[in-house]
PDB file of N, CA and C in Angstrom:
ATOM      1  N   MET A   1       0.810  -1.198   0.000  1.00  0.00           N
ATOM      2  CA  MET A   1       0.000   0.000   0.000  1.00  0.00           C
ATOM      3  C   MET A   1       0.852   1.260   0.000  1.00  0.00           C
ATOM      4  N   THR A   2       2.077   1.139   0.410  1.00  0.00           N
ATOM      5  CA  THR A   2       2.932   2.313   0.481  1.00  0.00           C
ATOM      6  C   THR A   2       3.148   2.935  -0.890  1.00  0.00           C
ATOM      7  N   LEU A   3       3.314   2.124  -1.904  1.00  0.00           N
ATOM      8  CA  LEU A   3       3.534   2.659  -3.247  1.00  0.00           C
ATOM      9  C   LEU A   3       2.346   3.485  -3.717  1.00  0.00           C
ATOM     10  N   LEU A   4       1.141   3.007  -3.464  1.00  0.00           N
ATOM     11  CA  LEU A   4      -0.059   3.743  -3.850  1.00  0.00           C
ATOM     12  C   LEU A   4      -0.154   5.048  -3.076  1.00  0.00           C
ATOM     13  N   SER A   5       0.155   4.995  -1.802  1.00  0.00           N
ATOM     14  CA  SER A   5       0.125   6.194  -0.965  1.00  0.00           C
ATOM     15  C   SER A   5       1.145   7.221  -1.449  1.00  0.00           C
ATOM     16  N   ASP A   6       2.340   6.759  -1.783  1.00  0.00           N
ATOM     17  CA  ASP A   6       3.383   7.661  -2.285  1.00  0.00           C
ATOM     18  C   ASP A   6       2.972   8.292  -3.609  1.00  0.00           C
ATOM     19  N   ALA A   7       2.386   7.495  -4.479  1.00  0.00           N
ATOM     20  CA  ALA A   7       1.950   8.003  -5.783  1.00  0.00           C
ATOM     21  C   ALA A   7       0.841   9.035  -5.614  1.00  0.00           C
ATOM     22  N   THR A   8      -0.075   8.776  -4.701  1.00  0.00           N
ATOM     23  CA  THR A   8      -1.169   9.711  -4.439  1.00  0.00           C
ATOM     24  C   THR A   8      -0.633  11.015  -3.870  1.00  0.00           C
ATOM     25  N   ASP A   9       0.297  10.932  -2.937  1.00  0.00           N
ATOM     26  CA  ASP A   9       0.890  12.140  -2.356  1.00  0.00           C
ATOM     27  C   ASP A   9       1.637  12.950  -3.404  1.00  0.00           C
ATOM     28  N   ALA A  10       2.282  12.274  -4.326  1.00  0.00           N
ATOM     29  CA  ALA A  10       3.038  12.969  -5.370  1.00  0.00           C
ATOM     30  C   ALA A  10       2.124  13.758  -6.292  1.00  0.00           C
ATOM     31  N   LYS A  11       0.894  13.314  -6.448  1.00  0.00           N
ATOM     32  CA  LYS A  11      -0.060  13.983  -7.343  1.00  0.00           C
ATOM     33  C   LYS A  11      -0.935  15.009  -6.626  1.00  0.00           C
ATOM     34  N   LYS A  12      -0.780  15.148  -5.334  1.00  0.00           N
ATOM     35  CA  LYS A  12      -1.646  16.028  -4.554  1.00  0.00           C
ATOM     36  C   LYS A  12      -1.629  17.471  -5.058  1.00  0.00           C
ATOM     37  N   PHE A  13      -0.482  17.937  -5.511  1.00  0.00           N
ATOM     38  CA  PHE A  13      -0.343  19.322  -5.961  1.00  0.00           C
ATOM     39  C   PHE A  13      -0.278  19.434  -7.480  1.00  0.00           C
ATOM     40  N   ASP A  14      -0.655  18.385  -8.178  1.00  0.00           N
ATOM     41  CA  ASP A  14      -0.662  18.393  -9.636  1.00  0.00           C
ATOM     42  C   ASP A  14      -1.571  19.512 -10.139  1.00  0.00           C
ATOM     43  N   THR A  15      -1.083  20.281 -11.092  1.00  0.00           N
ATOM     44  CA  THR A  15      -1.816  21.426 -11.636  1.00  0.00           C
ATOM     45  C   THR A  15      -3.202  21.041 -12.129  1.00  0.00           C
ATOM     46  N   ARG A  16      -3.321  19.844 -12.664  1.00  0.00           N
ATOM     47  CA  ARG A  16      -4.600  19.416 -13.246  1.00  0.00           C
ATOM     48  C   ARG A  16      -5.661  19.122 -12.203  1.00  0.00           C
ATOM     49  N   VAL A  17      -5.271  18.890 -10.939  1.00  0.00           N
ATOM     50  CA  VAL A  17      -6.256  18.511  -9.923  1.00  0.00           C
ATOM     51  C   VAL A  17      -6.224  19.366  -8.659  1.00  0.00           C
ATOM     52  N   ILE A  18      -5.368  20.380  -8.620  1.00  0.00           N
ATOM     53  CA  ILE A  18      -5.207  21.143  -7.382  1.00  0.00           C
ATOM     54  C   ILE A  18      -6.499  21.824  -6.951  1.00  0.00           C
ATOM     55  N   GLU A  19      -7.240  22.415  -7.884  1.00  0.00           N
ATOM     56  CA  GLU A  19      -8.488  23.088  -7.504  1.00  0.00           C
ATOM     57  C   GLU A  19      -9.470  22.095  -6.890  1.00  0.00           C
ATOM     58  N   ARG A  20      -9.584  20.941  -7.489  1.00  0.00           N
ATOM     59  CA  ARG A  20     -10.485  19.900  -6.975  1.00  0.00           C
ATOM     60  C   ARG A  20     -10.035  19.437  -5.592  1.00  0.00           C
ATOM     61  N   ASN A  21      -8.729  19.273  -5.407  1.00  0.00           N
ATOM     62  CA  ASN A  21      -8.219  18.830  -4.113  1.00  0.00           C
ATOM     63  C   ASN A  21      -8.477  19.859  -3.023  1.00  0.00           C
ATOM     64  N   VAL A  22      -8.372  21.138  -3.348  1.00  0.00           N
ATOM     65  CA  VAL A  22      -8.657  22.193  -2.373  1.00  0.00           C
ATOM     66  C   VAL A  22     -10.147  22.186  -2.038  1.00  0.00           C
ATOM     67  N   GLN A  23     -11.000  22.082  -3.049  1.00  0.00           N
ATOM     68  CA  GLN A  23     -12.449  22.062  -2.818  1.00  0.00           C
ATOM     69  C   GLN A  23     -12.878  20.871  -1.970  1.00  0.00           C
ATOM     70  N   ARG A  24     -12.241  19.745  -2.167  1.00  0.00           N
ATOM     71  CA  ARG A  24     -12.599  18.532  -1.421  1.00  0.00           C
ATOM     72  C   ARG A  24     -11.933  18.466  -0.051  1.00  0.00           C
ATOM     73  N   GLY A  25     -11.043  19.414   0.240  1.00  0.00           N
ATOM     74  CA  GLY A  25     -10.372  19.423   1.530  1.00  0.00           C
ATOM     75  C   GLY A  25      -9.200  18.464   1.616  1.00  0.00           C
ATOM     76  N   ILE A  26      -8.752  17.956   0.478  1.00  0.00           N
ATOM     77  CA  ILE A  26      -7.612  17.040   0.457  1.00  0.00           C
ATOM     78  C   ILE A  26      -6.332  17.800   0.789  1.00  0.00           C
ATOM     79  N   THR A  27      -6.259  19.030   0.348  1.00  0.00           N
ATOM     80  CA  THR A  27      -5.120  19.889   0.641  1.00  0.00           C
ATOM     81  C   THR A  27      -5.611  21.316   0.818  1.00  0.00           C
ATOM     82  N   LYS A  28      -4.734  22.180   1.266  1.00  0.00           N
ATOM     83  CA  LYS A  28      -5.082  23.590   1.473  1.00  0.00           C
ATOM     84  C   LYS A  28      -4.364  24.440   0.432  1.00  0.00           C
ATOM     85  N   ALA A  29      -4.982  25.545   0.063  1.00  0.00           N
ATOM     86  CA  ALA A  29      -4.379  26.457  -0.906  1.00  0.00           C
ATOM     87  C   ALA A  29      -3.032  26.962  -0.390  1.00  0.00           C
ATOM     88  N   GLU A  30      -2.940  27.185   0.913  1.00  0.00           N
ATOM     89  CA  GLU A  30      -1.679  27.669   1.502  1.00  0.00           C
ATOM     90  C   GLU A  30      -0.563  26.639   1.323  1.00  0.00           C
ATOM     91  N   ASP A  31      -0.915  25.363   1.461  1.00  0.00           N
ATOM     92  CA  ASP A  31       0.083  24.304   1.276  1.00  0.00           C
ATOM     93  C   ASP A  31       0.564  24.262  -0.174  1.00  0.00           C
ATOM     94  N   HIS A  32      -0.345  24.496  -1.095  1.00  0.00           N
ATOM     95  CA  HIS A  32       0.020  24.516  -2.513  1.00  0.00           C
ATOM     96  C   HIS A  32       0.947  25.689  -2.812  1.00  0.00           C
ATOM     97  N   GLU A  33       0.636  26.857  -2.255  1.00  0.00           N
ATOM     98  CA  GLU A  33       1.498  28.028  -2.454  1.00  0.00           C
ATOM     99  C   GLU A  33       2.886  27.770  -1.886  1.00  0.00           C
ATOM    100  N   LYS A  34       2.953  27.159  -0.717  1.00  0.00           N
ATOM    101  CA  LYS A  34       4.244  26.834  -0.100  1.00  0.00           C
ATOM    102  C   LYS A  34       5.017  25.850  -0.984  1.00  0.00           C
ATOM    103  N   PHE A  35       4.317  24.846  -1.502  1.00  0.00           N
ATOM    104  CA  PHE A  35       4.929  23.856  -2.388  1.00  0.00           C
ATOM    105  C   PHE A  35       5.526  24.536  -3.615  1.00  0.00           C
ATOM    106  N   GLN A  36       4.774  25.468  -4.219  1.00  0.00           N
ATOM    107  CA  GLN A  36       5.253  26.164  -5.412  1.00  0.00           C
ATOM    108  C   GLN A  36       6.481  27.016  -5.111  1.00  0.00           C
ATOM    109  N   LYS A  37       6.500  27.667  -3.956  1.00  0.00           N
ATOM    110  CA  LYS A  37       7.642  28.510  -3.600  1.00  0.00           C
ATOM    111  C   LYS A  37       8.898  27.687  -3.353  1.00  0.00           C
ATOM    112  N   GLU A  38       8.728  26.432  -2.940  1.00  0.00           N
ATOM    113  CA  GLU A  38       9.870  25.563  -2.654  1.00  0.00           C
ATOM    114  C   GLU A  38      10.426  24.874  -3.898  1.00  0.00           C
ATOM    115  N   LEU A  39       9.721  24.979  -5.021  1.00  0.00           N
ATOM    116  CA  LEU A  39      10.209  24.356  -6.252  1.00  0.00           C
ATOM    117  C   LEU A  39      11.491  25.040  -6.720  1.00  0.00           C
ATOM    118  N   PRO A  40      12.436  24.276  -7.244  1.00  0.00           N
ATOM    119  CA  PRO A  40      13.672  24.886  -7.740  1.00  0.00           C
ATOM    120  C   PRO A  40      13.411  25.693  -9.012  1.00  0.00           C
ATOM    121  N   ASP A  41      14.243  26.688  -9.225  1.00  0.00           N
ATOM    122  CA  ASP A  41      14.142  27.510 -10.436  1.00  0.00           C
ATOM    123  C   ASP A  41      14.847  26.768 -11.570  1.00  0.00           C
ATOM    124  N   ASP A  42      14.097  26.377 -12.576  1.00  0.00           N
ATOM    125  CA  ASP A  42      14.656  25.626 -13.700  1.00  0.00           C
ATOM    126  C   ASP A  42      14.871  26.495 -14.928  1.00  0.00           C
ATOM    127  N   ALA A  43      14.965  27.790 -14.748  1.00  0.00           N
ATOM    128  CA  ALA A  43      15.119  28.706 -15.879  1.00  0.00           C
ATOM    129  C   ALA A  43      16.367  28.388 -16.697  1.00  0.00           C
ATOM    130  N   GLU A  44      17.403  27.909 -16.048  1.00  0.00           N
ATOM    131  CA  GLU A  44      18.645  27.605 -16.771  1.00  0.00           C
ATOM    132  C   GLU A  44      18.478  26.417 -17.721  1.00  0.00           C
ATOM    133  N   ASN A  45      17.462  25.617 -17.512  1.00  0.00           N
ATOM    134  CA  ASN A  45      17.209  24.465 -18.381  1.00  0.00           C
ATOM    135  C   ASN A  45      16.211  24.772 -19.494  1.00  0.00           C
ATOM    136  N   ALA A  46      15.692  25.980 -19.502  1.00  0.00           N
ATOM    137  CA  ALA A  46      14.683  26.344 -20.502  1.00  0.00           C
ATOM    138  C   ALA A  46      15.320  26.504 -21.879  1.00  0.00           C
ATOM    139  N   GLU A  47      14.538  26.184 -22.873  1.00  0.00           N
ATOM    140  CA  GLU A  47      14.979  26.385 -24.248  1.00  0.00           C
ATOM    141  C   GLU A  47      14.051  27.420 -24.863  1.00  0.00           C
ATOM    142  N   TYR A  48      14.589  28.572 -25.169  1.00  0.00           N
ATOM    143  CA  TYR A  48      13.789  29.667 -25.698  1.00  0.00           C
ATOM    144  C   TYR A  48      13.749  29.596 -27.224  1.00  0.00           C
ATOM    145  N   VAL A  49      12.560  29.730 -27.764  1.00  0.00           N
ATOM    146  CA  VAL A  49      12.363  29.675 -29.205  1.00  0.00           C
ATOM    147  C   VAL A  49      11.527  30.874 -29.613  1.00  0.00           C
ATOM    148  N   SER A  50      11.855  31.421 -30.765  1.00  0.00           N
ATOM    149  CA  SER A  50      11.066  32.552 -31.250  1.00  0.00           C
ATOM    150  C   SER A  50       9.855  32.033 -32.008  1.00  0.00           C
ATOM    151  N   LEU A  51       8.817  32.812 -32.028  1.00  0.00           N
ATOM    152  CA  LEU A  51       7.605  32.447 -32.747  1.00  0.00           C
ATOM    153  C   LEU A  51       7.887  32.320 -34.239  1.00  0.00           C
ATOM    154  N   ASP A  52       8.744  33.184 -34.759  1.00  0.00           N
ATOM    155  CA  ASP A  52       9.101  33.128 -36.180  1.00  0.00           C
ATOM    156  C   ASP A  52       9.742  31.785 -36.537  1.00  0.00           C
ATOM    157  N   THR A  53      10.581  31.271 -35.663  1.00  0.00           N
ATOM    158  CA  THR A  53      11.221  29.979 -35.893  1.00  0.00           C
ATOM    159  C   THR A  53      10.186  28.860 -35.930  1.00  0.00           C
ATOM    160  N   LEU A  54       9.237  28.899 -35.015  1.00  0.00           N
ATOM    161  CA  LEU A  54       8.191  27.874 -34.993  1.00  0.00           C
ATOM    162  C   LEU A  54       7.337  27.916 -36.253  1.00  0.00           C
ATOM    163  N   ILE A  55       6.990  29.113 -36.691  1.00  0.00           N
ATOM    164  CA  ILE A  55       6.176  29.265 -37.901  1.00  0.00           C
ATOM    165  C   ILE A  55       6.948  28.761 -39.117  1.00  0.00           C
ATOM    166  N   ALA A  56       8.230  29.100 -39.191  1.00  0.00           N
ATOM    167  CA  ALA A  56       9.058  28.669 -40.317  1.00  0.00           C
ATOM    168  C   ALA A  56       9.186  27.146 -40.341  1.00  0.00           C
ATOM    169  N   ASP A  57       9.340  26.529 -39.173  1.00  0.00           N
ATOM    170  CA  ASP A  57       9.458  25.071 -39.103  1.00  0.00           C
ATOM    171  C   ASP A  57       8.168  24.384 -39.537  1.00  0.00           C
ATOM    172  N   ASN A  58       7.039  24.967 -39.217  1.00  0.00           N
ATOM    173  CA  ASN A  58       5.748  24.360 -39.560  1.00  0.00           C
ATOM    174  C   ASN A  58       5.364  24.572 -41.021  1.00  0.00           C
ATOM    175  N   SER A  59       5.935  25.578 -41.659  1.00  0.00           N
ATOM    176  CA  SER A  59       5.563  25.855 -43.047  1.00  0.00           C
ATOM    177  C   SER A  59       6.343  24.994 -44.040  1.00  0.00           C
ATOM    178  N   ASN A  60       7.374  24.326 -43.587  1.00  0.00           N
ATOM    179  CA  ASN A  60       8.191  23.475 -44.479  1.00  0.00           C
ATOM    180  C   ASN A  60       7.553  22.171 -44.733  1.00  0.00           C
TER     181      ASN A  60
END
């Protein structure tokens, strides 16, 4: 049962279900805000692309 519990906890703050979890009392909005603030900044791993490049790639 531990694996299921761990998987459920990992999804508690998932963007797709956070509003539902707050409404159902599964988690609190404050806990979600705290979770988001504790996330590492991944800006250095971002790949920036211009819109012109995307349009050019799709037109070929």
